[in-house]
Structure formats: structure tokens, C-alpha cells
């Protein structure tokens, strides 16, 4: 069993926003973090900025932390019909697809999956009708995700959806079980990481 899981994640601008996203993701992954604590495993999400930067940091992680379970986690930017490395058209660097995971089609799909928590966060003025009712959020095209969030939130006190200001808070608020039911690739991430600790969730 591994003793460290390192997630190289697309997203984040300056160091402050990356730290905020890291904290939000740790809350979203709390079931896995709890398992990790019981097994003495460290979980380290590292927000890297662009997809290219995440891949380069993942590559470096393979060399610098060979005993860790290193994972690349990036937006798919489109529908997915191939295994992850093939979809991204990136060299697997000697790793299998178990080391590559996708947010399909972007992280915002996870937010849209939990409409109830979106309502809780934005409150009065949130226009639920702008959020697609598709139970499979992975079918919602990436440009539509941000567009529908902008339209749904523009009359709220929080104002329009902001990836910098709102994404870290939404990550900490949305329910992982709800998102997993709506996103098979999110479910795959949870399942894979649990398996590395000899668990099933």
C-alpha cells in the first residue's frame, strides 16, 4: 500500500488562489482523506496552473517522489470516448491510465452536479432554470458550464460565478456522493484512490 498520494491538478493562478483551491479540494475529498489518515497515508493536492504545467509537475513528481502514487488530474475540455492518456494525447511516461484522471468536461461540472449546494451558496437571486437538468453532467460542454453558471448567478449577492473567488468555496461545499453519481470520471477518481489504500468506497 502507498504511503503518499500526490495529485497534480490543473487550476489556480497565484499562490493564494492555489492554496484556497487546495483547501477546498481537501474538503471535497474528505472521505478519502479520512481513509488516508487511518492508513497513515498523506494526501497532497498540488494545483499547478495550466494543463501543461500540471503535466510537467506530474512528470517531475514521478522522478522526485517515486514511492508516491502520483496522479495527474486535469480538465478533459470535451467529451471522453478514449482512455485518459489517449484522450489527452500525452505520453503516459511509463504509467498506466490509473495515474491519469479527468474532470469532465471541467471542474465546473462538479458544481453543476450539486444544484442544491449551488442554491445554498448563491442564495437569493439564483436562477436554477439556467442550470442544465442533465443527470449526466459530463455531457454538458465546457463553454456551456461557465455560461450557465454566469447566467444563474448574475442576480445574486455573490454576483457572477468567479473561478478565483467561488470555486474554492464551492469545492468545500458540494457533496462528493452527489457528484460521483452524476460524473463517472469523478467516481473513478474516488474509487482508484481508495483502491490504492486497499479500500472500497
C-alpha atoms as a PDB file:
ATOM      1  CA  UNK A   1       0.000   0.000   0.000  1.00  0.00           C
ATOM      2  CA  UNK A   2       1.238   3.507  -0.830  1.00  0.00           C
ATOM      3  CA  UNK A   3       2.150   5.979   1.915  1.00  0.00           C
ATOM      4  CA  UNK A   4       1.606   9.143  -0.117  1.00  0.00           C
ATOM      5  CA  UNK A   5      -0.842  10.231  -2.820  1.00  0.00           C
ATOM      6  CA  UNK A   6       0.184  13.289  -4.812  1.00  0.00           C
ATOM      7  CA  UNK A   7      -2.430  14.928  -7.052  1.00  0.00           C
ATOM      8  CA  UNK A   8      -1.140  17.319  -9.717  1.00  0.00           C
ATOM      9  CA  UNK A   9      -4.218  19.369 -10.552  1.00  0.00           C
ATOM     10  CA  UNK A  10      -4.987  21.832 -13.330  1.00  0.00           C
ATOM     11  CA  UNK A  11      -6.155  25.175 -11.991  1.00  0.00           C
ATOM     12  CA  UNK A  12      -5.206  28.120  -9.856  1.00  0.00           C
ATOM     13  CA  UNK A  13      -3.483  31.387 -10.645  1.00  0.00           C
ATOM     14  CA  UNK A  14      -1.275  32.937  -7.960  1.00  0.00           C
ATOM     15  CA  UNK A  15      -0.097  31.113  -4.853  1.00  0.00           C
ATOM     16  CA  UNK A  16      -3.021  32.422  -2.786  1.00  0.00           C
ATOM     17  CA  UNK A  17      -5.656  31.075  -5.175  1.00  0.00           C
ATOM     18  CA  UNK A  18      -3.846  27.749  -5.450  1.00  0.00           C
ATOM     19  CA  UNK A  19      -3.787  27.414  -1.665  1.00  0.00           C
ATOM     20  CA  UNK A  20      -7.508  28.196  -1.490  1.00  0.00           C
ATOM     21  CA  UNK A  21      -8.278  25.571  -4.154  1.00  0.00           C
ATOM     22  CA  UNK A  22      -6.120  23.045  -2.331  1.00  0.00           C
ATOM     23  CA  UNK A  23      -8.081  23.567   0.892  1.00  0.00           C
ATOM     24  CA  UNK A  24     -11.389  23.276  -0.965  1.00  0.00           C
ATOM     25  CA  UNK A  25     -10.344  20.067  -2.704  1.00  0.00           C
ATOM     26  CA  UNK A  26      -9.211  18.520   0.576  1.00  0.00           C
ATOM     27  CA  UNK A  27     -12.703  19.091   1.959  1.00  0.00           C
ATOM     28  CA  UNK A  28     -14.311  17.642  -1.177  1.00  0.00           C
ATOM     29  CA  UNK A  29     -12.064  14.580  -0.804  1.00  0.00           C
ATOM     30  CA  UNK A  30     -12.720  14.306   2.938  1.00  0.00           C
ATOM     31  CA  UNK A  31     -13.921  10.687   2.755  1.00  0.00           C
ATOM     32  CA  UNK A  32     -10.659   9.731   1.071  1.00  0.00           C
ATOM     33  CA  UNK A  33      -8.623  11.916   3.430  1.00  0.00           C
ATOM     34  CA  UNK A  34     -10.265  10.164   6.388  1.00  0.00           C
ATOM     35  CA  UNK A  35      -9.336   6.784   4.930  1.00  0.00           C
ATOM     36  CA  UNK A  36      -5.813   8.009   4.330  1.00  0.00           C
ATOM     37  CA  UNK A  37      -5.467   9.196   7.925  1.00  0.00           C
ATOM     38  CA  UNK A  38      -6.496   5.760   9.191  1.00  0.00           C
ATOM     39  CA  UNK A  39      -3.881   4.097   6.979  1.00  0.00           C
ATOM     40  CA  UNK A  40      -1.106   6.598   7.611  1.00  0.00           C
ATOM     41  CA  UNK A  41      -1.241   7.865   4.030  1.00  0.00           C
ATOM     42  CA  UNK A  42      -0.585  11.519   3.157  1.00  0.00           C
ATOM     43  CA  UNK A  43      -2.812  13.129   0.516  1.00  0.00           C
ATOM     44  CA  UNK A  44      -1.223  16.138  -1.206  1.00  0.00           C
ATOM     45  CA  UNK A  45      -3.200  18.067  -3.855  1.00  0.00           C
ATOM     46  CA  UNK A  46      -0.930  20.411  -5.801  1.00  0.00           C
ATOM     47  CA  UNK A  47      -2.610  22.987  -8.045  1.00  0.00           C
ATOM     48  CA  UNK A  48      -0.272  23.741 -10.916  1.00  0.00           C
ATOM     49  CA  UNK A  49      -1.954  26.356 -13.108  1.00  0.00           C
ATOM     50  CA  UNK A  50      -2.249  25.314 -16.742  1.00  0.00           C
ATOM     51  CA  UNK A  51      -2.746  21.769 -18.032  1.00  0.00           C
ATOM     52  CA  UNK A  52       0.789  21.854 -19.443  1.00  0.00           C
ATOM     53  CA  UNK A  53       2.212  22.913 -16.074  1.00  0.00           C
ATOM     54  CA  UNK A  54       0.274  20.160 -14.305  1.00  0.00           C
ATOM     55  CA  UNK A  55       1.699  17.589 -16.703  1.00  0.00           C
ATOM     56  CA  UNK A  56       5.251  18.898 -16.266  1.00  0.00           C
ATOM     57  CA  UNK A  57       4.870  18.871 -12.478  1.00  0.00           C
ATOM     58  CA  UNK A  58       3.467  15.336 -12.653  1.00  0.00           C
ATOM     59  CA  UNK A  59       6.487  14.308 -14.725  1.00  0.00           C
ATOM     60  CA  UNK A  60       8.808  15.845 -12.132  1.00  0.00           C
ATOM     61  CA  UNK A  61       6.841  14.164  -9.361  1.00  0.00           C
ATOM     62  CA  UNK A  62       7.442  10.753 -10.895  1.00  0.00           C
ATOM     63  CA  UNK A  63      11.188  11.389 -10.661  1.00  0.00           C
ATOM     64  CA  UNK A  64      11.252  13.146  -7.279  1.00  0.00           C
ATOM     65  CA  UNK A  65       8.666  11.006  -5.476  1.00  0.00           C
ATOM     66  CA  UNK A  66       8.927   7.519  -6.998  1.00  0.00           C
ATOM     67  CA  UNK A  67       7.368   5.837  -3.972  1.00  0.00           C
ATOM     68  CA  UNK A  68       4.265   8.020  -4.022  1.00  0.00           C
ATOM     69  CA  UNK A  69       1.148   7.325  -6.063  1.00  0.00           C
ATOM     70  CA  UNK A  70       1.375  10.268  -8.464  1.00  0.00           C
ATOM     71  CA  UNK A  71      -1.817  11.358 -10.231  1.00  0.00           C
ATOM     72  CA  UNK A  72      -2.495  13.891 -12.984  1.00  0.00           C
ATOM     73  CA  UNK A  73      -5.963  15.498 -12.625  1.00  0.00           C
ATOM     74  CA  UNK A  74      -6.970  17.881 -15.439  1.00  0.00           C
ATOM     75  CA  UNK A  75      -9.989  19.108 -17.406  1.00  0.00           C
ATOM     76  CA  UNK A  76     -10.932  16.937 -20.349  1.00  0.00           C
ATOM     77  CA  UNK A  77     -12.088  20.057 -22.302  1.00  0.00           C
ATOM     78  CA  UNK A  78     -14.541  17.865 -24.217  1.00  0.00           C
ATOM     79  CA  UNK A  79     -16.452  14.604 -24.185  1.00  0.00           C
ATOM     80  CA  UNK A  80     -14.383  11.498 -23.460  1.00  0.00           C
ATOM     81  CA  UNK A  81     -14.504   8.323 -25.536  1.00  0.00           C
ATOM     82  CA  UNK A  82     -10.934   7.064 -25.027  1.00  0.00           C
ATOM     83  CA  UNK A  83      -8.782   6.133 -22.029  1.00  0.00           C
ATOM     84  CA  UNK A  84      -7.402   9.238 -20.267  1.00  0.00           C
ATOM     85  CA  UNK A  85      -3.862   9.362 -21.631  1.00  0.00           C
ATOM     86  CA  UNK A  86      -5.127   8.766 -25.169  1.00  0.00           C
ATOM     87  CA  UNK A  87      -7.798  11.439 -24.738  1.00  0.00           C
ATOM     88  CA  UNK A  88      -5.186  13.991 -23.653  1.00  0.00           C
ATOM     89  CA  UNK A  89      -2.771  12.857 -26.380  1.00  0.00           C
ATOM     90  CA  UNK A  90       0.024  12.909 -23.813  1.00  0.00           C
ATOM     91  CA  UNK A  91       2.795  10.399 -23.172  1.00  0.00           C
ATOM     92  CA  UNK A  92       1.971   8.265 -20.151  1.00  0.00           C
ATOM     93  CA  UNK A  93       5.617   8.413 -19.017  1.00  0.00           C
ATOM     94  CA  UNK A  94       5.567   4.718 -18.246  1.00  0.00           C
ATOM     95  CA  UNK A  95       2.480   4.946 -16.047  1.00  0.00           C
ATOM     96  CA  UNK A  96      -0.913   3.392 -16.714  1.00  0.00           C
ATOM     97  CA  UNK A  97      -4.266   5.131 -17.052  1.00  0.00           C
ATOM     98  CA  UNK A  98      -4.753   4.618 -13.334  1.00  0.00           C
ATOM     99  CA  UNK A  99      -2.406   7.607 -12.875  1.00  0.00           C
ATOM    100  CA  UNK A 100      -4.404   9.923 -15.163  1.00  0.00           C
ATOM    101  CA  UNK A 101      -7.817  11.324 -14.219  1.00  0.00           C
ATOM    102  CA  UNK A 102     -10.146  13.800 -15.894  1.00  0.00           C
ATOM    103  CA  UNK A 103     -12.624  16.419 -14.754  1.00  0.00           C
ATOM    104  CA  UNK A 104     -15.213  16.029 -17.486  1.00  0.00           C
ATOM    105  CA  UNK A 105     -15.583  18.342 -19.108  1.00  0.00           C
ATOM    106  CA  UNK A 106     -14.226  20.749 -16.477  1.00  0.00           C
ATOM    107  CA  UNK A 107     -14.261  21.215 -12.712  1.00  0.00           C
ATOM    108  CA  UNK A 108     -17.431  23.300 -13.030  1.00  0.00           C
ATOM    109  CA  UNK A 109     -19.310  20.098 -13.909  1.00  0.00           C
ATOM    110  CA  UNK A 110     -18.822  19.006 -10.314  1.00  0.00           C
ATOM    111  CA  UNK A 111     -20.501  22.220  -9.112  1.00  0.00           C
ATOM    112  CA  UNK A 112     -23.430  21.850 -11.504  1.00  0.00           C
ATOM    113  CA  UNK A 113     -23.909  18.270 -10.288  1.00  0.00           C
ATOM    114  CA  UNK A 114     -24.937  19.522  -6.848  1.00  0.00           C
ATOM    115  CA  UNK A 115     -27.653  22.030  -7.636  1.00  0.00           C
ATOM    116  CA  UNK A 116     -28.836  22.151  -4.024  1.00  0.00           C
ATOM    117  CA  UNK A 117     -25.454  23.323  -2.758  1.00  0.00           C
ATOM    118  CA  UNK A 118     -25.235  25.879  -5.569  1.00  0.00           C
ATOM    119  CA  UNK A 119     -28.552  27.314  -4.339  1.00  0.00           C
ATOM    120  CA  UNK A 120     -27.283  27.337  -0.759  1.00  0.00           C
ATOM    121  CA  UNK A 121     -24.116  29.170  -1.715  1.00  0.00           C
ATOM    122  CA  UNK A 122     -25.595  31.828  -4.006  1.00  0.00           C
ATOM    123  CA  UNK A 123     -28.894  32.271  -2.185  1.00  0.00           C
ATOM    124  CA  UNK A 124     -31.488  34.801  -3.238  1.00  0.00           C
ATOM    125  CA  UNK A 125     -31.496  35.612  -6.946  1.00  0.00           C
ATOM    126  CA  UNK A 126     -30.005  32.284  -8.021  1.00  0.00           C
ATOM    127  CA  UNK A 127     -31.737  31.232 -11.246  1.00  0.00           C
ATOM    128  CA  UNK A 128     -31.946  27.449 -11.094  1.00  0.00           C
ATOM    129  CA  UNK A 129     -33.552  27.297 -14.539  1.00  0.00           C
ATOM    130  CA  UNK A 130     -30.230  28.251 -16.154  1.00  0.00           C
ATOM    131  CA  UNK A 131     -28.561  25.048 -14.899  1.00  0.00           C
ATOM    132  CA  UNK A 132     -28.987  22.091 -17.295  1.00  0.00           C
ATOM    133  CA  UNK A 133     -31.055  19.310 -15.798  1.00  0.00           C
ATOM    134  CA  UNK A 134     -28.980  16.547 -17.396  1.00  0.00           C
ATOM    135  CA  UNK A 135     -28.246  13.930 -14.717  1.00  0.00           C
ATOM    136  CA  UNK A 136     -25.003  13.103 -16.556  1.00  0.00           C
ATOM    137  CA  UNK A 137     -23.071  16.349 -16.151  1.00  0.00           C
ATOM    138  CA  UNK A 138     -20.235  15.033 -18.318  1.00  0.00           C
ATOM    139  CA  UNK A 139     -22.400  15.649 -21.395  1.00  0.00           C
ATOM    140  CA  UNK A 140     -22.504  19.402 -20.738  1.00  0.00           C
ATOM    141  CA  UNK A 141     -19.945  21.089 -22.981  1.00  0.00           C
ATOM    142  CA  UNK A 142     -17.240  23.080 -21.210  1.00  0.00           C
ATOM    143  CA  UNK A 143     -18.220  26.527 -22.617  1.00  0.00           C
ATOM    144  CA  UNK A 144     -21.826  25.865 -21.559  1.00  0.00           C
ATOM    145  CA  UNK A 145     -20.762  25.080 -17.981  1.00  0.00           C
ATOM    146  CA  UNK A 146     -19.348  28.528 -17.290  1.00  0.00           C
ATOM    147  CA  UNK A 147     -22.041  30.241 -19.343  1.00  0.00           C
ATOM    148  CA  UNK A 148     -24.881  28.639 -17.410  1.00  0.00           C
ATOM    149  CA  UNK A 149     -23.192  29.389 -14.077  1.00  0.00           C
ATOM    150  CA  UNK A 150     -22.744  33.040 -15.101  1.00  0.00           C
ATOM    151  CA  UNK A 151     -26.396  33.340 -16.106  1.00  0.00           C
ATOM    152  CA  UNK A 152     -27.667  31.537 -12.996  1.00  0.00           C
ATOM    153  CA  UNK A 153     -25.677  33.714 -10.595  1.00  0.00           C
ATOM    154  CA  UNK A 154     -25.662  37.185 -12.136  1.00  0.00           C
ATOM    155  CA  UNK A 155     -28.528  38.479  -9.934  1.00  0.00           C
ATOM    156  CA  UNK A 156     -27.189  37.053  -6.669  1.00  0.00           C
ATOM    157  CA  UNK A 157     -25.412  38.883  -3.865  1.00  0.00           C
ATOM    158  CA  UNK A 158     -22.279  36.886  -4.705  1.00  0.00           C
ATOM    159  CA  UNK A 159     -22.608  38.140  -8.293  1.00  0.00           C
ATOM    160  CA  UNK A 160     -21.448  36.184 -11.345  1.00  0.00           C
ATOM    161  CA  UNK A 161     -19.612  32.915 -10.876  1.00  0.00           C
ATOM    162  CA  UNK A 162     -15.904  33.560 -10.323  1.00  0.00           C
ATOM    163  CA  UNK A 163     -13.443  30.718 -10.716  1.00  0.00           C
ATOM    164  CA  UNK A 164     -10.962  32.544  -8.483  1.00  0.00           C
ATOM    165  CA  UNK A 165     -13.328  33.578  -5.691  1.00  0.00           C
ATOM    166  CA  UNK A 166     -16.076  30.968  -5.787  1.00  0.00           C
ATOM    167  CA  UNK A 167     -14.514  27.688  -6.956  1.00  0.00           C
ATOM    168  CA  UNK A 168     -12.545  27.010  -3.734  1.00  0.00           C
ATOM    169  CA  UNK A 169     -15.650  27.640  -1.598  1.00  0.00           C
ATOM    170  CA  UNK A 170     -17.869  25.530  -3.832  1.00  0.00           C
ATOM    171  CA  UNK A 171     -15.361  22.663  -3.739  1.00  0.00           C
ATOM    172  CA  UNK A 172     -15.630  22.681   0.038  1.00  0.00           C
ATOM    173  CA  UNK A 173     -19.429  22.811  -0.083  1.00  0.00           C
ATOM    174  CA  UNK A 174     -20.568  20.313  -2.729  1.00  0.00           C
ATOM    175  CA  UNK A 175     -21.379  16.745  -1.732  1.00  0.00           C
ATOM    176  CA  UNK A 176     -18.946  14.201  -3.159  1.00  0.00           C
ATOM    177  CA  UNK A 177     -21.508  11.381  -3.237  1.00  0.00           C
ATOM    178  CA  UNK A 178     -23.891  13.543  -5.275  1.00  0.00           C
ATOM    179  CA  UNK A 179     -21.142  14.476  -7.715  1.00  0.00           C
ATOM    180  CA  UNK A 180     -19.976  10.880  -8.074  1.00  0.00           C
ATOM    181  CA  UNK A 181     -23.464   9.801  -9.107  1.00  0.00           C
ATOM    182  CA  UNK A 182     -23.528  12.442 -11.854  1.00  0.00           C
ATOM    183  CA  UNK A 183     -19.919  12.095 -13.047  1.00  0.00           C
ATOM    184  CA  UNK A 184     -18.418   8.677 -13.726  1.00  0.00           C
ATOM    185  CA  UNK A 185     -14.924  10.113 -14.015  1.00  0.00           C
ATOM    186  CA  UNK A 186     -15.206  11.730 -10.598  1.00  0.00           C
ATOM    187  CA  UNK A 187     -16.382   8.380  -9.265  1.00  0.00           C
ATOM    188  CA  UNK A 188     -13.389   6.743 -10.956  1.00  0.00           C
ATOM    189  CA  UNK A 189     -11.047   9.123  -9.115  1.00  0.00           C
ATOM    190  CA  UNK A 190     -12.518   8.242  -5.720  1.00  0.00           C
ATOM    191  CA  UNK A 191     -12.565   4.531  -6.496  1.00  0.00           C
ATOM    192  CA  UNK A 192      -8.970   4.498  -7.731  1.00  0.00           C
ATOM    193  CA  UNK A 193      -7.543   6.401  -4.774  1.00  0.00           C
ATOM    194  CA  UNK A 194      -9.434   4.226  -2.296  1.00  0.00           C
ATOM    195  CA  UNK A 195      -8.085   1.111  -4.005  1.00  0.00           C
ATOM    196  CA  UNK A 196      -4.535   2.380  -3.507  1.00  0.00           C
ATOM    197  CA  UNK A 197      -5.274   2.214   0.218  1.00  0.00           C
ATOM    198  CA  UNK A 198      -6.831  -1.243  -0.036  1.00  0.00           C
ATOM    199  CA  UNK A 199     -10.344   0.130   0.453  1.00  0.00           C
ATOM    200  CA  UNK A 200     -13.604   0.246  -1.491  1.00  0.00           C
ATOM    201  CA  UNK A 201     -15.887   3.265  -1.322  1.00  0.00           C
END
